Amino acid sequence: MKNTVLTLLLLTFITACKEPEKETVKEQQIKIEGDHIIIPDGSSILKKIRTETINKQEHHHAITSVGAVEAIPGNYAEIASPFPGRIIKAFAGIGHKVNAGSPVFEILTSGYLDVQKEYSNALNEAVLAEKKYKRQQDLVKHGVGIQKELEESETEYRNKKISLSNASSALKIYTNQSKGTGALIIRSPISGEVISSKIVTGQYLKEDAEPGVIIAELSKVWISGEVKEKDLRFIKKGDQVSVTINSYPDHIINGKIYHINDWVDETTRSIKVLIECDNPDRKLKPGMFATISYSTDSENTMIIPTAALMQENEHQYVWLKTGKNQFIKRNVTTTEASDKTVKITSGLNSGDEIMTAGGIYLLEIK
């Protein structure tokens, strides 16, 4: 009996001693009041939390896009024969430099003879019409002519002059040619380099033949890229850009925005942008893919570490420090984000101190 009483007294003493211990543990728990949270000094979570005072800073918008190298239209020429015929001589092959007006190939064609014949006929008819008109003028002047016949000869003379002008323009296209023969020399309209040639001596070209020679001047080229509609406000004509290509990843080529299209692609919601680049060493070749980095104006804005941003349903928030070990949820609005930083457009002010690490450990706390 005595042993039983002693055991009960001992259990009562032990129980009494344990009650304060429970209260001590309870006091160490994190306190939550609405969006406020208080972390006690002894909490292991507190050791994992880092904070940072944020302020506005200079920020450049990072805009990059891919593009393709193109020859500038005015520095690019596809050369074909205006008439069917047989190639009798090739003057320039792939890799050859040519000047504007340089011979490219010579073709024997009856079409050129027809042009010469048309000009000769038009010239003869114009001369005869002029003589007839002058004769009618002389007759009317001496009172023996008929006014109606004078007017008819004048109209005919004007028409013949128009026909002669047209025939002359057609013949002038083929300058420095040997008249009276069907040998026509095709010349380059631009200075540049022959980058493609399918011309073979003895080859017969049909009337609808594709261009036999392509000449390009590639000391300057265009890069055709696209910029998202949302980024259009950050760029303008004349802005500097940096270009890299896969073949030379460590070589940065400088360029500038030459043209920005006036319409948006409805499928991609992007705007086409043409970049003009100097290409003295010919590293940029038509058809190559390139990466374009746009230089944009800077702005004072709020930037926070990506790790500081929390997500709750459709809302984004950060933990704003309000006192010692005390934080409150603050909803924020963001725009641009990268792996390391996020741009804040509303919700924070310069001088705010926010939790930049450890917020993930608070997600499960109710």
Protein backbone atom coordinates (compact mmCIF):
# COMPACT_ATOMS: atom_id res chain seq x y z
CA MET A 1 0.00 0.00 0.00
CA LYS A 2 2.82 2.36 0.93
CA ASN A 3 4.60 1.51 -2.33
CA THR A 4 1.44 2.34 -4.32
CA VAL A 5 1.05 5.73 -2.68
CA LEU A 6 4.73 6.49 -3.22
CA THR A 7 4.38 5.64 -6.93
CA LEU A 8 1.36 7.97 -7.33
CA LEU A 9 3.18 10.82 -5.64
CA LEU A 10 6.18 10.32 -7.91
CA LEU A 11 3.98 10.35 -11.07
CA THR A 12 2.23 13.51 -9.88
CA PHE A 13 5.59 15.22 -9.36
CA ILE A 14 6.87 14.21 -12.81
CA THR A 15 3.67 15.42 -14.47
CA ALA A 16 3.85 18.73 -12.66
CA CYS A 17 7.41 19.21 -13.80
CA LYS A 18 6.55 18.54 -17.49
CA GLU A 19 3.73 21.17 -17.78
CA PRO A 20 6.03 24.23 -17.87
CA GLU A 21 8.16 22.43 -20.50
CA LYS A 22 5.12 22.19 -22.83
CA GLU A 23 4.49 25.93 -22.47
CA THR A 24 8.12 26.66 -23.29
CA VAL A 25 7.85 24.71 -26.58
CA LYS A 26 4.61 26.47 -27.44
CA GLU A 27 6.21 29.88 -26.92
CA GLN A 28 8.91 28.99 -29.47
CA GLN A 29 6.40 28.38 -32.27
CA ILE A 30 6.06 30.87 -35.20
CA LYS A 31 3.13 33.23 -34.66
CA ILE A 32 0.81 34.07 -37.57
CA GLU A 33 -1.72 36.91 -37.50
CA GLY A 34 -3.35 37.30 -40.91
CA ASP A 35 -0.53 38.23 -43.34
CA HIS A 36 1.85 38.99 -40.45
CA ILE A 37 4.36 36.46 -39.22
CA ILE A 38 6.67 36.55 -36.19
CA ILE A 39 9.63 34.16 -35.96
CA PRO A 40 11.04 33.54 -32.48
CA ASP A 41 14.78 33.88 -31.81
CA GLY A 42 15.16 30.17 -31.17
CA SER A 43 13.56 29.04 -34.45
CA SER A 44 15.77 27.03 -36.80
CA ILE A 45 14.05 28.75 -39.75
CA LEU A 46 15.44 32.11 -38.64
CA LYS A 47 18.97 30.89 -39.37
CA LYS A 48 18.00 30.24 -43.00
CA ILE A 49 16.48 33.65 -43.62
CA ARG A 50 18.36 36.46 -45.36
CA THR A 51 17.11 40.00 -45.92
CA GLU A 52 18.16 42.87 -48.14
CA THR A 53 17.29 46.56 -48.38
CA ILE A 54 16.27 47.37 -51.95
CA ASN A 55 16.48 50.61 -53.91
CA LYS A 56 15.84 51.67 -57.48
CA GLN A 57 18.75 51.05 -59.84
CA GLU A 58 19.76 51.54 -63.45
CA HIS A 59 18.31 48.76 -65.55
CA HIS A 60 18.79 47.88 -69.23
CA HIS A 61 16.13 45.78 -70.90
CA ALA A 62 17.67 42.59 -72.19
CA ILE A 63 16.24 41.99 -75.68
CA THR A 64 17.65 39.28 -77.89
CA SER A 65 16.33 37.61 -81.02
CA VAL A 66 17.50 35.38 -83.81
CA GLY A 67 17.83 36.54 -87.39
CA ALA A 68 19.09 35.61 -90.83
CA VAL A 69 21.74 37.33 -92.92
CA GLU A 70 20.50 38.85 -96.20
CA ALA A 71 22.15 40.69 -99.06
CA ILE A 72 21.00 44.31 -99.36
CA PRO A 73 18.65 44.44 -102.39
CA GLY A 74 20.51 47.35 -104.04
CA ASN A 75 23.77 45.42 -103.66
CA TYR A 76 22.42 42.21 -105.19
CA ALA A 77 21.71 41.35 -108.81
CA GLU A 78 20.36 38.26 -110.56
CA ILE A 79 21.47 38.39 -114.19
CA ALA A 80 19.60 36.66 -117.00
CA SER A 81 19.52 37.06 -120.76
CA PRO A 82 16.61 39.14 -122.08
CA PHE A 83 16.41 36.83 -125.11
CA PRO A 84 16.77 33.12 -125.79
CA GLY A 85 20.04 32.18 -127.42
CA ARG A 86 23.36 30.35 -127.16
CA ILE A 87 26.22 31.34 -124.84
CA ILE A 88 29.35 32.02 -126.86
CA LYS A 89 31.60 33.39 -124.11
CA ALA A 90 31.74 33.72 -120.31
CA PHE A 91 33.72 36.65 -118.90
CA ALA A 92 33.36 36.14 -115.12
CA GLY A 93 33.14 33.06 -112.93
CA ILE A 94 32.44 32.42 -109.25
CA GLY A 95 34.60 34.57 -106.99
CA HIS A 96 35.48 37.12 -109.69
CA LYS A 97 35.20 40.81 -108.83
CA VAL A 98 33.27 42.91 -111.33
CA ASN A 99 32.42 46.58 -111.74
CA ALA A 100 29.13 48.07 -112.84
CA GLY A 101 29.10 47.71 -116.65
CA SER A 102 31.62 44.86 -116.73
CA PRO A 103 30.80 42.07 -119.24
CA VAL A 104 29.49 38.89 -117.65
CA PHE A 105 28.69 36.69 -120.65
CA GLU A 106 27.97 36.97 -124.36
CA ILE A 107 25.00 35.35 -126.07
CA LEU A 108 24.18 34.88 -129.75
CA THR A 109 20.51 35.68 -130.18
CA SER A 110 18.13 36.74 -132.93
CA GLY A 111 16.24 38.79 -130.35
CA TYR A 112 18.94 41.42 -130.34
CA LEU A 113 18.78 41.64 -134.12
CA ASP A 114 15.03 42.20 -133.86
CA VAL A 115 15.59 45.11 -131.48
CA GLN A 116 18.07 46.69 -133.90
CA LYS A 117 15.67 46.17 -136.79
CA GLU A 118 12.79 47.75 -134.89
CA TYR A 119 14.92 50.80 -134.14
CA SER A 120 16.05 51.10 -137.76
CA ASN A 121 12.46 50.86 -139.02
CA ALA A 122 11.24 53.38 -136.47
CA LEU A 123 14.01 55.79 -137.45
CA ASN A 124 13.18 55.55 -141.18
CA GLU A 125 9.47 56.03 -140.56
CA ALA A 126 10.11 59.04 -138.35
CA VAL A 127 12.33 60.65 -141.01
CA LEU A 128 9.69 60.15 -143.72
CA ALA A 129 6.92 61.46 -141.47
CA GLU A 130 8.97 64.56 -140.69
CA LYS A 131 9.56 65.26 -144.41
CA LYS A 132 5.86 64.83 -145.15
CA TYR A 133 4.91 67.18 -142.33
CA LYS A 134 7.35 69.87 -143.46
CA ARG A 135 6.12 69.57 -147.03
CA GLN A 136 2.50 70.10 -145.90
CA GLN A 137 3.62 73.11 -143.84
CA ASP A 138 5.25 74.62 -146.93
CA LEU A 139 2.17 74.01 -149.09
CA VAL A 140 -0.18 75.64 -146.60
CA LYS A 141 2.23 78.56 -146.22
CA HIS A 142 2.05 79.22 -149.96
CA GLY A 143 -1.71 78.82 -150.09
CA VAL A 144 -1.84 75.61 -152.07
CA GLY A 145 -2.06 73.13 -149.20
CA ILE A 146 -5.02 71.79 -147.24
CA GLN A 147 -5.19 72.47 -143.51
CA LYS A 148 -6.69 69.05 -142.74
CA GLU A 149 -3.83 67.23 -144.49
CA LEU A 150 -1.35 69.37 -142.52
CA GLU A 151 -2.96 68.37 -139.22
CA GLU A 152 -3.00 64.69 -140.22
CA SER A 153 0.70 64.78 -141.17
CA GLU A 154 1.51 66.52 -137.89
CA THR A 155 -0.29 63.79 -135.89
CA GLU A 156 1.47 61.06 -137.84
CA TYR A 157 4.84 62.70 -137.26
CA ARG A 158 4.26 62.90 -133.50
CA ASN A 159 3.27 59.23 -133.35
CA LYS A 160 6.36 58.19 -135.29
CA LYS A 161 8.59 60.20 -132.94
CA ILE A 162 7.06 58.36 -129.97
CA SER A 163 7.70 55.00 -131.62
CA LEU A 164 11.28 56.03 -132.37
CA SER A 165 11.80 57.09 -128.76
CA ASN A 166 10.54 53.72 -127.51
CA ALA A 167 12.76 51.80 -129.93
CA SER A 168 15.73 53.95 -128.99
CA SER A 169 15.16 53.32 -125.28
CA ALA A 170 15.03 49.58 -125.92
CA LEU A 171 18.28 49.72 -127.89
CA LYS A 172 20.06 51.85 -125.28
CA ILE A 173 19.63 49.06 -122.75
CA TYR A 174 22.27 47.15 -124.68
CA THR A 175 25.09 49.69 -124.67
CA ASN A 176 28.47 49.21 -126.31
CA GLN A 177 27.20 46.43 -128.55
CA SER A 178 28.29 45.46 -132.07
CA LYS A 179 25.38 46.54 -134.24
CA GLY A 180 24.33 44.42 -137.17
CA THR A 181 25.12 41.16 -135.38
CA GLY A 182 23.17 38.94 -133.01
CA ALA A 183 25.99 38.86 -130.45
CA LEU A 184 24.78 40.49 -127.24
CA ILE A 185 27.07 41.11 -124.27
CA ILE A 186 25.26 40.93 -120.92
CA ARG A 187 26.81 43.32 -118.39
CA SER A 188 26.69 43.64 -114.62
CA PRO A 189 24.41 46.41 -113.32
CA ILE A 190 26.38 46.67 -110.04
CA SER A 191 29.88 46.32 -108.67
CA GLY A 192 30.46 43.24 -106.56
CA GLU A 193 31.52 39.61 -106.57
CA VAL A 194 30.10 36.71 -108.57
CA ILE A 195 28.65 34.41 -105.87
CA SER A 196 26.82 32.04 -108.24
CA SER A 197 27.21 31.17 -111.92
CA LYS A 198 25.53 28.52 -114.05
CA ILE A 199 26.82 29.86 -117.35
CA VAL A 200 28.55 27.35 -119.63
CA THR A 201 29.96 28.19 -123.03
CA GLY A 202 27.82 26.58 -125.73
CA GLN A 203 24.79 26.39 -123.45
CA TYR A 204 21.44 27.33 -124.96
CA LEU A 205 19.28 29.55 -122.80
CA LYS A 206 15.53 29.34 -123.19
CA GLU A 207 13.27 32.37 -123.05
CA ASP A 208 12.09 31.59 -119.51
CA ALA A 209 15.52 30.55 -118.20
CA GLU A 210 16.35 31.39 -114.58
CA PRO A 211 19.12 33.92 -113.82
CA GLY A 212 22.47 32.43 -114.81
CA VAL A 213 24.69 34.66 -112.69
CA ILE A 214 24.24 36.22 -109.25
CA ILE A 215 26.42 39.15 -108.19
CA ALA A 216 26.47 40.62 -104.71
CA GLU A 217 28.34 43.37 -102.92
CA LEU A 218 28.63 42.07 -99.34
CA SER A 219 30.75 44.69 -97.58
CA LYS A 220 27.46 45.63 -95.93
CA VAL A 221 24.60 43.21 -95.23
CA TRP A 222 21.22 43.15 -93.57
CA ILE A 223 20.16 40.84 -90.77
CA SER A 224 16.44 40.25 -90.68
CA GLY A 225 15.22 39.66 -87.13
CA GLU A 226 12.03 39.96 -85.10
CA VAL A 227 11.20 41.78 -81.87
CA LYS A 228 8.20 40.95 -79.72
CA GLU A 229 5.39 43.49 -79.74
CA LYS A 230 5.83 44.15 -76.00
CA ASP A 231 9.50 45.13 -76.54
CA LEU A 232 8.93 47.51 -79.45
CA ARG A 233 8.87 50.57 -77.16
CA PHE A 234 12.47 49.90 -76.10
CA ILE A 235 14.04 50.13 -79.59
CA LYS A 236 14.20 52.72 -82.35
CA LYS A 237 15.80 53.26 -85.75
CA GLY A 238 19.52 53.89 -85.46
CA ASP A 239 19.99 51.98 -82.19
CA GLN A 240 23.20 50.01 -81.90
CA VAL A 241 23.04 46.20 -81.75
CA SER A 242 25.53 43.38 -81.27
CA VAL A 243 25.49 40.35 -83.56
CA THR A 244 27.09 36.93 -83.17
CA ILE A 245 27.03 33.93 -85.48
CA ASN A 246 27.55 30.26 -84.71
CA SER A 247 30.64 30.03 -86.92
CA TYR A 248 32.45 32.70 -84.86
CA PRO A 249 30.83 32.67 -81.38
CA ASP A 250 33.59 34.83 -79.84
CA HIS A 251 33.47 37.48 -82.57
CA ILE A 252 31.01 40.32 -81.90
CA ILE A 253 29.82 42.27 -84.94
CA ASN A 254 28.37 45.74 -84.43
CA GLY A 255 25.35 46.95 -86.36
CA LYS A 256 22.44 49.36 -86.16
CA ILE A 257 18.71 49.21 -86.67
CA TYR A 258 18.06 50.22 -90.29
CA HIS A 259 14.30 49.72 -90.47
CA ILE A 260 11.37 48.68 -88.25
CA ASN A 261 8.28 47.35 -90.00
CA ASP A 262 4.98 49.16 -89.57
CA TRP A 263 2.89 46.05 -89.05
CA VAL A 264 2.77 43.21 -86.54
CA ASP A 265 2.76 39.54 -87.48
CA GLU A 266 -0.59 38.36 -86.10
CA THR A 267 0.69 34.82 -85.56
CA THR A 268 3.89 35.56 -83.61
CA ARG A 269 2.95 39.05 -82.32
CA SER A 270 6.36 40.21 -83.51
CA ILE A 271 7.67 43.04 -85.67
CA LYS A 272 10.31 42.51 -88.36
CA VAL A 273 13.49 44.54 -87.85
CA LEU A 274 16.32 45.01 -90.35
CA ILE A 275 19.83 45.38 -88.95
CA GLU A 276 22.59 46.87 -91.13
CA CYS A 277 26.09 45.56 -90.44
CA ASP A 278 29.49 46.33 -91.90
CA ASN A 279 30.98 43.11 -93.25
CA PRO A 280 34.50 43.93 -94.46
CA ASP A 281 35.89 40.45 -93.81
CA ARG A 282 32.79 38.73 -95.34
CA LYS A 283 32.14 36.64 -92.21
CA LEU A 284 28.43 37.33 -92.53
CA LYS A 285 27.12 35.36 -95.47
CA PRO A 286 23.55 35.40 -96.82
CA GLY A 287 21.53 32.58 -95.29
CA MET A 288 23.49 32.40 -92.02
CA PHE A 289 21.60 32.48 -88.72
CA ALA A 290 22.62 35.15 -86.22
CA THR A 291 21.85 36.14 -82.63
CA ILE A 292 20.97 39.81 -82.15
CA SER A 293 21.37 41.66 -78.85
CA TYR A 294 19.68 45.06 -78.77
CA SER A 295 21.08 48.00 -76.79
CA THR A 296 18.22 49.74 -74.99
CA ASP A 297 17.92 52.90 -72.93
CA SER A 298 18.31 52.42 -69.19
CA GLU A 299 15.70 53.32 -66.57
CA ASN A 300 15.53 53.63 -62.79
CA THR A 301 13.50 50.69 -61.57
CA MET A 302 13.13 48.22 -58.71
CA ILE A 303 15.03 44.95 -59.15
CA ILE A 304 14.87 42.08 -56.61
CA PRO A 305 16.44 38.61 -56.52
CA THR A 306 14.26 35.93 -58.10
CA ALA A 307 14.46 33.87 -54.87
CA ALA A 308 12.63 36.66 -53.00
CA LEU A 309 9.48 36.27 -55.12
CA MET A 310 6.75 33.96 -53.77
CA GLN A 311 3.65 32.66 -55.54
CA GLU A 312 0.18 32.11 -54.04
CA ASN A 313 -2.49 31.10 -56.54
CA GLU A 314 -2.52 33.91 -59.12
CA HIS A 315 -0.79 36.39 -56.81
CA GLN A 316 2.91 37.10 -56.43
CA TYR A 317 4.28 38.48 -53.17
CA VAL A 318 7.39 39.06 -51.09
CA TRP A 319 7.99 39.01 -47.33
CA LEU A 320 8.47 42.62 -46.21
CA LYS A 321 10.32 43.10 -42.92
CA THR A 322 8.33 45.20 -40.42
CA GLY A 323 10.35 44.66 -37.22
CA LYS A 324 12.74 42.29 -35.49
CA ASN A 325 11.97 38.82 -36.86
CA GLN A 326 8.63 40.18 -38.14
CA PHE A 327 7.42 40.07 -41.72
CA ILE A 328 4.26 40.78 -43.70
CA LYS A 329 3.13 39.53 -47.11
CA ARG A 330 3.28 42.28 -49.72
CA ASN A 331 1.70 41.66 -53.12
CA VAL A 332 3.81 42.87 -56.05
CA THR A 333 3.49 43.26 -59.81
CA THR A 334 6.36 42.06 -62.01
CA THR A 335 7.32 42.32 -65.66
CA GLU A 336 10.74 41.14 -66.80
CA ALA A 337 12.33 38.14 -65.12
CA SER A 338 15.56 36.21 -65.52
CA ASP A 339 17.20 33.37 -63.66
CA LYS A 340 18.58 35.77 -61.06
CA THR A 341 16.45 38.94 -60.95
CA VAL A 342 12.89 40.18 -61.33
CA LYS A 343 11.70 43.67 -62.22
CA ILE A 344 9.04 45.05 -59.83
CA THR A 345 6.58 47.61 -61.22
CA SER A 346 4.43 48.07 -58.12
CA GLY A 347 4.18 46.99 -54.48
CA LEU A 348 7.57 48.06 -53.16
CA ASN A 349 9.35 51.31 -52.38
CA SER A 350 13.00 52.28 -52.17
CA GLY A 351 14.36 51.48 -48.73
CA ASP A 352 12.08 48.49 -48.13
CA GLU A 353 13.79 45.50 -46.53
CA ILE A 354 12.60 42.18 -47.87
CA MET A 355 13.34 38.51 -47.31
CA THR A 356 15.65 37.36 -50.10
CA ALA A 357 16.27 33.80 -48.89
CA GLY A 358 14.39 31.38 -46.65
CA GLY A 359 10.89 32.31 -47.72
CA ILE A 360 10.36 28.83 -49.09
CA TYR A 361 10.40 27.46 -45.51
CA LEU A 362 7.37 29.55 -44.63
CA LEU A 363 5.14 28.14 -47.39
CA GLU A 364 3.93 25.20 -45.28
CA ILE A 365 3.18 27.23 -42.17
CA LYS A 366 -0.55 27.77 -41.59
